[in-house]
Amino acid sequence: MNIKAWLISASTALLTACGSVDVEHYAAEKPTLDLPDFFTGTMDAWGIFQKRSGEVARRFHVEILAEWKTPEHGILDERFIYSDGEKQRRVWTLKKQPDGTWQGTADDVDGVATGRVAGNALHWTYVLKLPVDGKVYHVNFDDWMWLMDGQTMINRSTMSKFGIHLGDVTLFFRKRDAQAGSKP
């Protein structure tokens, strides 16, 4: 293969890798995700942070207390406990917008998280203020959640800075009340 053909092939592969799935791709998937329905009451989540090499760098458990003032305005109080004993708390305020999208704010989120729901999926994008060794880094999160059944959700987030992949966060959510949530 000559150099010109190789460069075209490499450029095409790079551009394809930068593409992202639109949340509408999941519009027909069931069960249908309704944020106030799933994120109500108390739930647990277990997760890992993987470096870009794939190495698991941190494990954690999250207790989430979720309540809704109206069907369009909810609070998610997340209490993290990491495997090294560190504790962290993040309180999300979620607001449904007139166009059906969601906005979320939290003390350690820079600006506003924006999200769209379709079918069983939620796609969030936001910038997290991430403390590391006494410094705070503003890290981009591309955050996907998929409802598996009325009690279970899987979450996968990709972290990046200046377009460079830093690592991934994977979580598994489970509602404590086995009768709560939407049915499959």
Protein backbone atom coordinates (compact mmCIF):
# COMPACT_ATOMS: atom_id res chain seq x y z
CA MET A 1 0.00 0.00 0.00
CA ASN A 2 1.41 3.41 -0.90
CA ILE A 3 1.70 6.20 1.66
CA LYS A 4 -1.22 8.20 0.23
CA ALA A 5 -3.60 5.23 0.45
CA TRP A 6 -2.39 4.47 3.97
CA LEU A 7 -2.97 8.08 5.11
CA ILE A 8 -6.49 8.07 3.67
CA SER A 9 -7.23 4.75 5.36
CA ALA A 10 -5.80 5.93 8.70
CA SER A 11 -7.70 9.24 8.50
CA THR A 12 -10.97 7.43 7.78
CA ALA A 13 -10.42 5.07 10.71
CA LEU A 14 -9.66 7.99 13.03
CA LEU A 15 -12.75 9.95 11.96
CA THR A 16 -14.94 6.87 12.36
CA ALA A 17 -13.57 6.29 15.87
CA CYS A 18 -14.49 9.86 16.85
CA GLY A 19 -18.14 9.33 15.93
CA SER A 20 -20.74 8.87 18.63
CA VAL A 21 -23.97 6.92 18.72
CA ASP A 22 -27.04 9.15 18.93
CA VAL A 23 -29.32 8.31 21.87
CA GLU A 24 -32.21 7.98 19.39
CA HIS A 25 -30.56 4.72 18.27
CA TYR A 26 -32.13 3.20 21.44
CA ALA A 27 -35.63 4.69 20.95
CA ALA A 28 -37.31 1.30 20.40
CA GLU A 29 -35.48 -0.46 23.26
CA LYS A 30 -37.50 -1.66 26.25
CA PRO A 31 -38.09 -1.16 29.08
CA THR A 32 -38.57 2.53 28.49
CA LEU A 33 -36.53 4.70 30.85
CA ASP A 34 -38.51 7.24 32.85
CA LEU A 35 -36.05 9.10 35.11
CA PRO A 36 -38.52 9.96 37.93
CA ASP A 37 -39.78 6.37 37.90
CA PHE A 38 -36.36 4.70 38.11
CA PHE A 39 -34.55 7.25 40.28
CA THR A 40 -37.01 7.21 43.18
CA GLY A 41 -36.29 6.01 46.70
CA THR A 42 -33.03 4.41 47.80
CA MET A 43 -30.69 2.47 45.56
CA ASP A 44 -27.16 1.15 45.57
CA ALA A 45 -24.53 1.32 42.87
CA TRP A 46 -21.19 -0.41 42.60
CA GLY A 47 -18.52 0.87 40.26
CA ILE A 48 -14.97 0.96 39.06
CA PHE A 49 -12.67 3.54 37.51
CA GLN A 50 -10.34 2.15 34.86
CA LYS A 51 -7.30 3.98 33.56
CA ARG A 52 -7.02 4.24 29.79
CA SER A 53 -4.78 1.13 29.91
CA GLY A 54 -7.74 -0.82 31.31
CA GLU A 55 -6.25 -1.18 34.80
CA VAL A 56 -8.85 -0.85 37.56
CA ALA A 57 -7.56 2.04 39.67
CA ARG A 58 -10.52 2.51 42.04
CA ARG A 59 -13.57 0.62 43.24
CA PHE A 60 -16.52 2.20 45.01
CA HIS A 61 -20.04 1.82 46.37
CA VAL A 62 -22.68 4.55 46.12
CA GLU A 63 -25.86 4.91 48.14
CA ILE A 64 -28.34 7.07 46.24
CA LEU A 65 -31.33 8.76 47.88
CA ALA A 66 -33.65 10.05 45.16
CA GLU A 67 -36.76 12.19 45.47
CA TRP A 68 -38.87 14.31 43.15
CA LYS A 69 -40.49 17.64 44.02
CA THR A 70 -42.44 17.41 40.75
CA PRO A 71 -42.13 14.97 37.80
CA GLU A 72 -39.84 17.57 36.21
CA HIS A 73 -37.62 18.40 39.23
CA GLY A 74 -35.67 15.81 41.19
CA ILE A 75 -32.79 15.50 43.65
CA LEU A 76 -30.26 12.62 43.63
CA ASP A 77 -28.13 12.54 46.77
CA GLU A 78 -25.14 10.28 46.02
CA ARG A 79 -22.87 9.11 48.85
CA PHE A 80 -19.68 7.42 47.65
CA ILE A 81 -17.40 5.15 49.67
CA TYR A 82 -14.21 4.15 47.86
CA SER A 83 -12.31 0.92 48.54
CA ASP A 84 -9.50 2.97 50.15
CA GLY A 85 -11.99 4.45 52.67
CA GLU A 86 -12.37 7.88 51.03
CA LYS A 87 -15.89 9.30 51.17
CA GLN A 88 -17.48 11.75 48.77
CA ARG A 89 -20.93 13.23 48.28
CA ARG A 90 -22.54 14.62 45.15
CA VAL A 91 -26.07 16.05 45.11
CA TRP A 92 -27.59 16.34 41.65
CA THR A 93 -30.53 18.63 40.89
CA LEU A 94 -32.31 17.38 37.77
CA LYS A 95 -34.76 19.46 35.74
CA LYS A 96 -36.71 18.37 32.69
CA GLN A 97 -36.74 21.00 29.96
CA PRO A 98 -39.73 21.92 27.74
CA ASP A 99 -38.06 20.14 24.77
CA GLY A 100 -37.88 16.86 26.76
CA THR A 101 -34.15 17.03 27.50
CA TRP A 102 -32.76 17.03 31.04
CA GLN A 103 -30.38 19.40 32.77
CA GLY A 104 -28.43 18.54 35.88
CA THR A 105 -26.32 20.55 38.29
CA ALA A 106 -24.07 19.56 41.19
CA ASP A 107 -21.38 21.38 43.18
CA ASP A 108 -18.57 19.52 41.43
CA VAL A 109 -20.02 19.91 37.92
CA ASP A 110 -18.74 22.86 35.91
CA GLY A 111 -21.83 24.46 34.40
CA VAL A 112 -24.81 22.29 33.48
CA ALA A 113 -25.00 18.62 32.50
CA THR A 114 -27.24 18.03 29.52
CA GLY A 115 -29.01 14.76 28.84
CA ARG A 116 -31.39 13.10 26.45
CA VAL A 117 -33.50 10.00 27.00
CA ALA A 118 -34.68 7.63 24.26
CA GLY A 119 -36.02 4.13 24.80
CA ASN A 120 -34.03 2.52 27.60
CA ALA A 121 -31.06 4.93 27.36
CA LEU A 122 -29.91 8.22 28.86
CA HIS A 123 -26.94 10.10 27.39
CA TRP A 124 -25.38 12.81 29.60
CA THR A 125 -22.49 15.13 28.81
CA TYR A 126 -20.86 17.37 31.41
CA VAL A 127 -17.60 18.65 32.84
CA LEU A 128 -16.66 17.34 36.28
CA LYS A 129 -14.30 19.17 38.64
CA LEU A 130 -12.07 16.24 39.59
CA PRO A 131 -9.71 16.65 42.58
CA VAL A 132 -6.40 14.80 42.17
CA ASP A 133 -3.40 15.25 44.49
CA GLY A 134 -4.48 18.69 45.71
CA LYS A 135 -5.34 20.03 42.23
CA VAL A 136 -8.71 20.24 40.50
CA TYR A 137 -8.97 19.16 36.87
CA HIS A 138 -11.95 19.91 34.65
CA VAL A 139 -12.67 16.59 32.93
CA ASN A 140 -15.23 15.91 30.18
CA PHE A 141 -17.67 13.07 30.84
CA ASP A 142 -19.56 11.26 28.07
CA ASP A 143 -22.01 9.38 30.27
CA TRP A 144 -24.37 6.61 29.08
CA MET A 145 -27.00 4.77 31.14
CA TRP A 146 -29.12 1.81 30.02
CA LEU A 147 -32.15 0.52 31.91
CA MET A 148 -32.00 -3.29 32.01
CA ASP A 149 -35.22 -3.92 33.96
CA GLY A 150 -37.35 -2.05 36.51
CA GLN A 151 -34.68 -2.39 39.22
CA THR A 152 -31.37 -2.46 37.33
CA MET A 153 -29.35 0.05 35.32
CA ILE A 154 -25.86 -0.05 33.82
CA ASN A 155 -23.79 3.13 33.46
CA ARG A 156 -20.63 3.62 31.35
CA SER A 157 -18.77 6.94 31.28
CA THR A 158 -15.77 7.94 29.23
CA MET A 159 -13.49 10.61 30.70
CA SER A 160 -11.37 12.89 28.53
CA LYS A 161 -9.41 16.13 28.64
CA PHE A 162 -8.42 18.07 25.49
CA GLY A 163 -9.79 15.12 23.47
CA ILE A 164 -7.43 12.67 25.17
CA HIS A 165 -9.06 9.58 26.68
CA LEU A 166 -8.23 9.42 30.41
CA GLY A 167 -10.25 6.44 31.53
CA ASP A 168 -13.68 4.93 32.04
CA VAL A 169 -16.17 4.63 34.88
CA THR A 170 -18.56 1.68 34.96
CA LEU A 171 -21.46 1.39 37.42
CA PHE A 172 -24.23 -1.06 38.14
CA PHE A 173 -27.35 0.41 39.85
CA ARG A 174 -29.86 -1.65 41.80
CA LYS A 175 -33.02 -0.37 43.48
CA ARG A 176 -33.45 -1.59 47.07
CA ASP A 177 -37.21 -2.03 46.79
CA ALA A 178 -37.57 -5.00 44.43
CA GLN A 179 -41.18 -3.97 43.67
CA ALA A 180 -40.27 -0.38 42.68
CA GLY A 181 -39.68 0.96 39.22
CA SER A 182 -41.13 0.22 35.83
CA LYS A 183 -41.69 -3.35 34.70
CA PRO A 184 -39.73 -4.93 31.81
